[in-house]
Every structure is written in C-alpha cells, then in structure tokens.
C-alpha cells in the first residue's frame, strides 16, 4: 500500500528557498563593486550592465548612421 502521509511542515518549503535565493542575488546586483574613474563614485553590477548597453547602442547607432 502507498503511504500518502505528508508532514504539514514540509509543504511550501521550496518556495521559501527560491525567494531567499532570488532576494540574495538581487541584493548582490545592487551592491557597489567598481569605481567610476570619471565621477569618483562606485557603480553596481546593474549600473555597469546598463552602461554597457548604452555604449553598445551608441556604437551601433553611430555606425548605422555613417554615410557609405
């Protein structure tokens, strides 16, 4: 016979673990990690990622708008 008993304390445990891990990763992305040479401020990983996208888009848009 199959035992279908489940302890009431173990239900939903995975959701709590996922929330804790996602919260830790999100917090780590916003911690300042790099020095900005132009401003003298510290940048987080999110700010570095956004700055990289901005730089890449500026390079692509300037190359597309250049005359042939």
PDB file of N, CA and C in Angstrom:
ATOM      1  N   UNK A   1       0.834  -1.173   0.000  1.00  0.00           N
ATOM      2  CA  UNK A   1       0.000   0.000   0.000  1.00  0.00           C
ATOM      3  C   UNK A   1       0.886   1.246   0.000  1.00  0.00           C
ATOM      4  N   UNK A   2       0.442   2.272  -0.697  1.00  0.00           N
ATOM      5  CA  UNK A   2       1.212   3.503  -0.813  1.00  0.00           C
ATOM      6  C   UNK A   2       0.937   4.391   0.394  1.00  0.00           C
ATOM      7  N   UNK A   3       2.003   4.892   0.971  1.00  0.00           N
ATOM      8  CA  UNK A   3       1.866   5.799   2.113  1.00  0.00           C
ATOM      9  C   UNK A   3       1.693   7.217   1.588  1.00  0.00           C
ATOM     10  N   UNK A   4       0.553   7.829   1.784  1.00  0.00           N
ATOM     11  CA  UNK A   4       0.264   9.162   1.274  1.00  0.00           C
ATOM     12  C   UNK A   4       0.328  10.218   2.364  1.00  0.00           C
ATOM     13  N   UNK A   5       0.947   9.897   3.461  1.00  0.00           N
ATOM     14  CA  UNK A   5       1.063  10.861   4.553  1.00  0.00           C
ATOM     15  C   UNK A   5       2.169  11.865   4.239  1.00  0.00           C
ATOM     16  N   UNK A   6       1.877  13.121   4.390  1.00  0.00           N
ATOM     17  CA  UNK A   6       2.872  14.181   4.181  1.00  0.00           C
ATOM     18  C   UNK A   6       2.877  15.069   5.426  1.00  0.00           C
ATOM     19  N   UNK A   7       4.067  15.299   5.943  1.00  0.00           N
ATOM     20  CA  UNK A   7       4.173  16.134   7.138  1.00  0.00           C
ATOM     21  C   UNK A   7       3.738  17.557   6.811  1.00  0.00           C
ATOM     22  N   UNK A   8       2.954  18.197   7.644  1.00  0.00           N
ATOM     23  CA  UNK A   8       2.443  19.532   7.336  1.00  0.00           C
ATOM     24  C   UNK A   8       3.519  20.619   7.323  1.00  0.00           C
ATOM     25  N   UNK A   9       4.647  20.404   7.937  1.00  0.00           N
ATOM     26  CA  UNK A   9       5.700  21.415   8.000  1.00  0.00           C
ATOM     27  C   UNK A   9       6.531  21.498   6.721  1.00  0.00           C
ATOM     28  N   UNK A  10       6.486  20.490   5.881  1.00  0.00           N
ATOM     29  CA  UNK A  10       7.339  20.475   4.701  1.00  0.00           C
ATOM     30  C   UNK A  10       6.680  21.073   3.468  1.00  0.00           C
ATOM     31  N   UNK A  11       5.429  21.396   3.517  1.00  0.00           N
ATOM     32  CA  UNK A  11       4.745  21.951   2.343  1.00  0.00           C
ATOM     33  C   UNK A  11       5.138  23.415   2.175  1.00  0.00           C
ATOM     34  N   UNK A  12       5.509  23.787   0.947  1.00  0.00           N
ATOM     35  CA  UNK A  12       5.868  25.165   0.654  1.00  0.00           C
ATOM     36  C   UNK A  12       7.316  25.513   0.967  1.00  0.00           C
ATOM     37  N   UNK A  13       8.114  24.565   1.350  1.00  0.00           N
ATOM     38  CA  UNK A  13       9.500  24.837   1.714  1.00  0.00           C
ATOM     39  C   UNK A  13      10.309  25.312   0.513  1.00  0.00           C
ATOM     40  N   UNK A  14      10.067  24.758  -0.655  1.00  0.00           N
ATOM     41  CA  UNK A  14      10.829  25.134  -1.843  1.00  0.00           C
ATOM     42  C   UNK A  14      10.581  26.591  -2.210  1.00  0.00           C
ATOM     43  N   UNK A  15       9.367  27.070  -2.033  1.00  0.00           N
ATOM     44  CA  UNK A  15       9.048  28.461  -2.358  1.00  0.00           C
ATOM     45  C   UNK A  15       9.847  29.415  -1.471  1.00  0.00           C
ATOM     46  N   UNK A  16       9.980  29.100  -0.212  1.00  0.00           N
ATOM     47  CA  UNK A  16      10.762  29.936   0.694  1.00  0.00           C
ATOM     48  C   UNK A  16      12.223  29.944   0.274  1.00  0.00           C
ATOM     49  N   UNK A  17      12.746  28.806  -0.106  1.00  0.00           N
ATOM     50  CA  UNK A  17      14.135  28.727  -0.542  1.00  0.00           C
ATOM     51  C   UNK A  17      14.359  29.534  -1.813  1.00  0.00           C
ATOM     52  N   UNK A  18      13.442  29.458  -2.771  1.00  0.00           N
ATOM     53  CA  UNK A  18      13.565  30.238  -4.002  1.00  0.00           C
ATOM     54  C   UNK A  18      13.539  31.729  -3.713  1.00  0.00           C
ATOM     55  N   UNK A  19      12.651  32.165  -2.842  1.00  0.00           N
ATOM     56  CA  UNK A  19      12.554  33.581  -2.501  1.00  0.00           C
ATOM     57  C   UNK A  19      13.839  34.068  -1.844  1.00  0.00           C
ATOM     58  N   UNK A  20      14.404  33.274  -0.959  1.00  0.00           N
ATOM     59  CA  UNK A  20      15.643  33.664  -0.287  1.00  0.00           C
ATOM     60  C   UNK A  20      16.787  33.767  -1.289  1.00  0.00           C
ATOM     61  N   UNK A  21      16.901  32.807  -2.192  1.00  0.00           N
ATOM     62  CA  UNK A  21      17.982  32.821  -3.179  1.00  0.00           C
ATOM     63  C   UNK A  21      17.826  33.995  -4.147  1.00  0.00           C
ATOM     64  N   UNK A  22      16.614  34.232  -4.628  1.00  0.00           N
ATOM     65  CA  UNK A  22      16.381  35.347  -5.553  1.00  0.00           C
ATOM     66  C   UNK A  22      16.631  36.678  -4.859  1.00  0.00           C
ATOM     67  N   UNK A  23      16.238  36.809  -3.603  1.00  0.00           N
ATOM     68  CA  UNK A  23      16.490  38.047  -2.853  1.00  0.00           C
ATOM     69  C   UNK A  23      17.987  38.274  -2.663  1.00  0.00           C
ATOM     70  N   UNK A  24      18.739  37.226  -2.398  1.00  0.00           N
ATOM     71  CA  UNK A  24      20.186  37.364  -2.224  1.00  0.00           C
ATOM     72  C   UNK A  24      20.863  37.762  -3.533  1.00  0.00           C
ATOM     73  N   UNK A  25      20.454  37.163  -4.634  1.00  0.00           N
ATOM     74  CA  UNK A  25      21.042  37.507  -5.935  1.00  0.00           C
ATOM     75  C   UNK A  25      20.693  38.936  -6.315  1.00  0.00           C
ATOM     76  N   UNK A  26      19.448  39.335  -6.090  1.00  0.00           N
ATOM     77  CA  UNK A  26      19.032  40.700  -6.401  1.00  0.00           C
ATOM     78  C   UNK A  26      19.794  41.708  -5.563  1.00  0.00           C
ATOM     79  N   UNK A  27      19.962  41.433  -4.297  1.00  0.00           N
ATOM     80  CA  UNK A  27      20.722  42.340  -3.429  1.00  0.00           C
ATOM     81  C   UNK A  27      22.180  42.427  -3.871  1.00  0.00           C
ATOM     82  N   UNK A  28      22.740  41.311  -4.306  1.00  0.00           N
ATOM     83  CA  UNK A  28      24.135  41.319  -4.744  1.00  0.00           C
ATOM     84  C   UNK A  28      24.333  42.143  -6.008  1.00  0.00           C
ATOM     85  N   UNK A  29      23.320  42.219  -6.857  1.00  0.00           N
ATOM     86  CA  UNK A  29      23.435  43.002  -8.083  1.00  0.00           C
ATOM     87  C   UNK A  29      23.466  44.505  -7.820  1.00  0.00           C
ATOM     88  N   UNK A  30      22.928  44.933  -6.686  1.00  0.00           N
ATOM     89  CA  UNK A  30      22.863  46.357  -6.388  1.00  0.00           C
ATOM     90  C   UNK A  30      23.942  46.840  -5.429  1.00  0.00           C
ATOM     91  N   UNK A  31      24.863  45.971  -5.031  1.00  0.00           N
ATOM     92  CA  UNK A  31      25.971  46.362  -4.157  1.00  0.00           C
ATOM     93  C   UNK A  31      27.048  47.025  -5.008  1.00  0.00           C
ATOM     94  N   UNK A  32      27.539  48.201  -4.613  1.00  0.00           N
ATOM     95  CA  UNK A  32      28.595  48.852  -5.391  1.00  0.00           C
ATOM     96  C   UNK A  32      29.864  48.000  -5.422  1.00  0.00           C
ATOM     97  N   UNK A  33      30.402  47.798  -6.643  1.00  0.00           N
ATOM     98  CA  UNK A  33      31.569  46.923  -6.768  1.00  0.00           C
ATOM     99  C   UNK A  33      32.725  47.563  -7.511  1.00  0.00           C
ATOM    100  N   UNK A  34      32.459  48.556  -8.359  1.00  0.00           N
ATOM    101  CA  UNK A  34      33.523  49.097  -9.210  1.00  0.00           C
ATOM    102  C   UNK A  34      33.595  50.612  -9.048  1.00  0.00           C
ATOM    103  N   UNK A  35      34.798  51.147  -9.135  1.00  0.00           N
ATOM    104  CA  UNK A  35      34.993  52.587  -9.068  1.00  0.00           C
ATOM    105  C   UNK A  35      34.843  53.200 -10.450  1.00  0.00           C
ATOM    106  N   UNK A  36      34.139  54.312 -10.515  1.00  0.00           N
ATOM    107  CA  UNK A  36      33.989  55.054 -11.760  1.00  0.00           C
ATOM    108  C   UNK A  36      35.088  56.102 -11.818  1.00  0.00           C
ATOM    109  N   UNK A  37      35.940  56.027 -12.816  1.00  0.00           N
ATOM    110  CA  UNK A  37      37.091  56.927 -12.902  1.00  0.00           C
ATOM    111  C   UNK A  37      36.676  58.361 -13.196  1.00  0.00           C
ATOM    112  N   UNK A  38      35.587  58.558 -13.931  1.00  0.00           N
ATOM    113  CA  UNK A  38      35.206  59.918 -14.320  1.00  0.00           C
ATOM    114  C   UNK A  38      34.518  60.675 -13.192  1.00  0.00           C
ATOM    115  N   UNK A  39      33.689  60.003 -12.402  1.00  0.00           N
ATOM    116  CA  UNK A  39      32.942  60.678 -11.341  1.00  0.00           C
ATOM    117  C   UNK A  39      33.525  60.459  -9.951  1.00  0.00           C
ATOM    118  N   UNK A  40      34.274  59.417  -9.766  1.00  0.00           N
ATOM    119  CA  UNK A  40      34.784  59.084  -8.450  1.00  0.00           C
ATOM    120  C   UNK A  40      33.746  58.385  -7.586  1.00  0.00           C
ATOM    121  N   UNK A  41      32.661  57.882  -8.191  1.00  0.00           N
ATOM    122  CA  UNK A  41      31.630  57.160  -7.456  1.00  0.00           C
ATOM    123  C   UNK A  41      31.791  55.663  -7.683  1.00  0.00           C
ATOM    124  N   UNK A  42      31.079  54.885  -6.884  1.00  0.00           N
ATOM    125  CA  UNK A  42      31.119  53.427  -7.029  1.00  0.00           C
ATOM    126  C   UNK A  42      29.877  52.969  -7.777  1.00  0.00           C
ATOM    127  N   UNK A  43      30.055  52.008  -8.685  1.00  0.00           N
ATOM    128  CA  UNK A  43      28.969  51.509  -9.526  1.00  0.00           C
ATOM    129  C   UNK A  43      28.607  50.077  -9.146  1.00  0.00           C
ATOM    130  N   UNK A  44      27.331  49.756  -9.264  1.00  0.00           N
ATOM    131  CA  UNK A  44      26.872  48.390  -9.022  1.00  0.00           C
ATOM    132  C   UNK A  44      26.910  47.600 -10.330  1.00  0.00           C
ATOM    133  N   UNK A  45      26.658  46.306 -10.232  1.00  0.00           N
ATOM    134  CA  UNK A  45      26.658  45.451 -11.420  1.00  0.00           C
ATOM    135  C   UNK A  45      25.542  45.857 -12.373  1.00  0.00           C
ATOM    136  N   UNK A  46      24.405  46.256 -11.848  1.00  0.00           N
ATOM    137  CA  UNK A  46      23.295  46.703 -12.700  1.00  0.00           C
ATOM    138  C   UNK A  46      23.694  47.966 -13.453  1.00  0.00           C
ATOM    139  N   UNK A  47      24.329  48.914 -12.779  1.00  0.00           N
ATOM    140  CA  UNK A  47      24.762  50.144 -13.434  1.00  0.00           C
ATOM    141  C   UNK A  47      25.807  49.865 -14.508  1.00  0.00           C
ATOM    142  N   UNK A  48      26.714  48.939 -14.242  1.00  0.00           N
ATOM    143  CA  UNK A  48      27.706  48.562 -15.248  1.00  0.00           C
ATOM    144  C   UNK A  48      27.045  47.902 -16.458  1.00  0.00           C
ATOM    145  N   UNK A  49      26.037  47.073 -16.219  1.00  0.00           N
ATOM    146  CA  UNK A  49      25.320  46.423 -17.312  1.00  0.00           C
ATOM    147  C   UNK A  49      24.575  47.448 -18.167  1.00  0.00           C
ATOM    148  N   UNK A  50      23.892  48.387 -17.521  1.00  0.00           N
ATOM    149  CA  UNK A  50      23.166  49.420 -18.263  1.00  0.00           C
ATOM    150  C   UNK A  50      24.134  50.295 -19.044  1.00  0.00           C
ATOM    151  N   UNK A  51      25.254  50.641 -18.437  1.00  0.00           N
ATOM    152  CA  UNK A  51      26.257  51.458 -19.126  1.00  0.00           C
ATOM    153  C   UNK A  51      26.817  50.713 -20.339  1.00  0.00           C
ATOM    154  N   UNK A  52      27.007  49.403 -20.216  1.00  0.00           N
ATOM    155  CA  UNK A  52      27.472  48.606 -21.351  1.00  0.00           C
ATOM    156  C   UNK A  52      26.470  48.589 -22.490  1.00  0.00           C
ATOM    157  N   UNK A  53      25.169  48.455 -22.159  1.00  0.00           N
ATOM    158  CA  UNK A  53      24.140  48.515 -23.193  1.00  0.00           C
ATOM    159  C   UNK A  53      24.112  49.889 -23.857  1.00  0.00           C
ATOM    160  N   UNK A  54      24.247  50.950 -23.079  1.00  0.00           N
ATOM    161  CA  UNK A  54      24.238  52.299 -23.636  1.00  0.00           C
ATOM    162  C   UNK A  54      25.421  52.509 -24.578  1.00  0.00           C
ATOM    163  N   UNK A  55      26.583  52.043 -24.181  1.00  0.00           N
ATOM    164  CA  UNK A  55      27.772  52.179 -25.018  1.00  0.00           C
ATOM    165  C   UNK A  55      27.626  51.378 -26.310  1.00  0.00           C
ATOM    166  N   UNK A  56      27.136  50.152 -26.192  1.00  0.00           N
ATOM    167  CA  UNK A  56      26.940  49.316 -27.376  1.00  0.00           C
ATOM    168  C   UNK A  56      25.923  49.906 -28.329  1.00  0.00           C
ATOM    169  N   UNK A  57      24.825  50.432 -27.792  1.00  0.00           N
ATOM    170  CA  UNK A  57      23.806  51.036 -28.644  1.00  0.00           C
ATOM    171  C   UNK A  57      24.348  52.296 -29.326  1.00  0.00           C
ATOM    172  N   UNK A  58      25.137  53.088 -28.612  1.00  0.00           N
ATOM    173  CA  UNK A  58      25.718  54.291 -29.218  1.00  0.00           C
ATOM    174  C   UNK A  58      26.659  53.919 -30.357  1.00  0.00           C
ATOM    175  N   UNK A  59      27.443  52.862 -30.177  1.00  0.00           N
ATOM    176  CA  UNK A  59      28.361  52.428 -31.237  1.00  0.00           C
ATOM    177  C   UNK A  59      27.599  51.906 -32.455  1.00  0.00           C
ATOM    178  N   UNK A  60      26.565  51.113 -32.211  1.00  0.00           N
ATOM    179  CA  UNK A  60      25.789  50.576 -33.326  1.00  0.00           C
ATOM    180  C   UNK A  60      25.059  51.674 -34.063  1.00  0.00           C
ATOM    181  N   UNK A  61      24.437  52.587 -33.326  1.00  0.00           N
ATOM    182  CA  UNK A  61      23.661  53.639 -33.986  1.00  0.00           C
ATOM    183  C   UNK A  61      24.565  54.599 -34.751  1.00  0.00           C
ATOM    184  N   UNK A  62      25.766  54.845 -34.238  1.00  0.00           N
ATOM    185  CA  UNK A  62      26.674  55.739 -34.988  1.00  0.00           C
ATOM    186  C   UNK A  62      27.211  55.047 -36.239  1.00  0.00           C
ATOM    187  N   UNK A  63      27.424  53.743 -36.183  1.00  0.00           N
ATOM    188  CA  UNK A  63      27.899  53.052 -37.379  1.00  0.00           C
ATOM    189  C   UNK A  63      26.791  52.906 -38.425  1.00  0.00           C
ATOM    190  N   UNK A  64      25.552  52.779 -37.990  1.00  0.00           N
ATOM    191  CA  UNK A  64      24.450  52.688 -38.944  1.00  0.00           C
ATOM    192  C   UNK A  64      24.141  54.026 -39.596  1.00  0.00           C
ATOM    193  N   UNK A  65      24.389  55.110 -38.890  1.00  0.00           N
ATOM    194  CA  UNK A  65      24.078  56.419 -39.450  1.00  0.00           C
ATOM    195  C   UNK A  65      25.240  57.028 -40.249  1.00  0.00           C
ATOM    196  N   UNK A  66      26.367  56.348 -40.275  1.00  0.00           N
ATOM    197  CA  UNK A  66      27.511  56.847 -41.037  1.00  0.00           C
ATOM    198  C   UNK A  66      27.235  56.743 -42.548  1.00  0.00           C
ATOM    199  N   UNK A  67      27.693  57.711 -43.314  1.00  0.00           N
ATOM    200  CA  UNK A  67      27.487  57.628 -44.767  1.00  0.00           C
ATOM    201  C   UNK A  67      28.328  56.493 -45.358  1.00  0.00           C
ATOM    202  N   UNK A  68      27.858  55.978 -46.475  1.00  0.00           N
ATOM    203  CA  UNK A  68      28.575  54.856 -47.113  1.00  0.00           C
ATOM    204  C   UNK A  68      29.767  55.279 -47.901  1.00  0.00           C
TER     205      UNK A  68
END
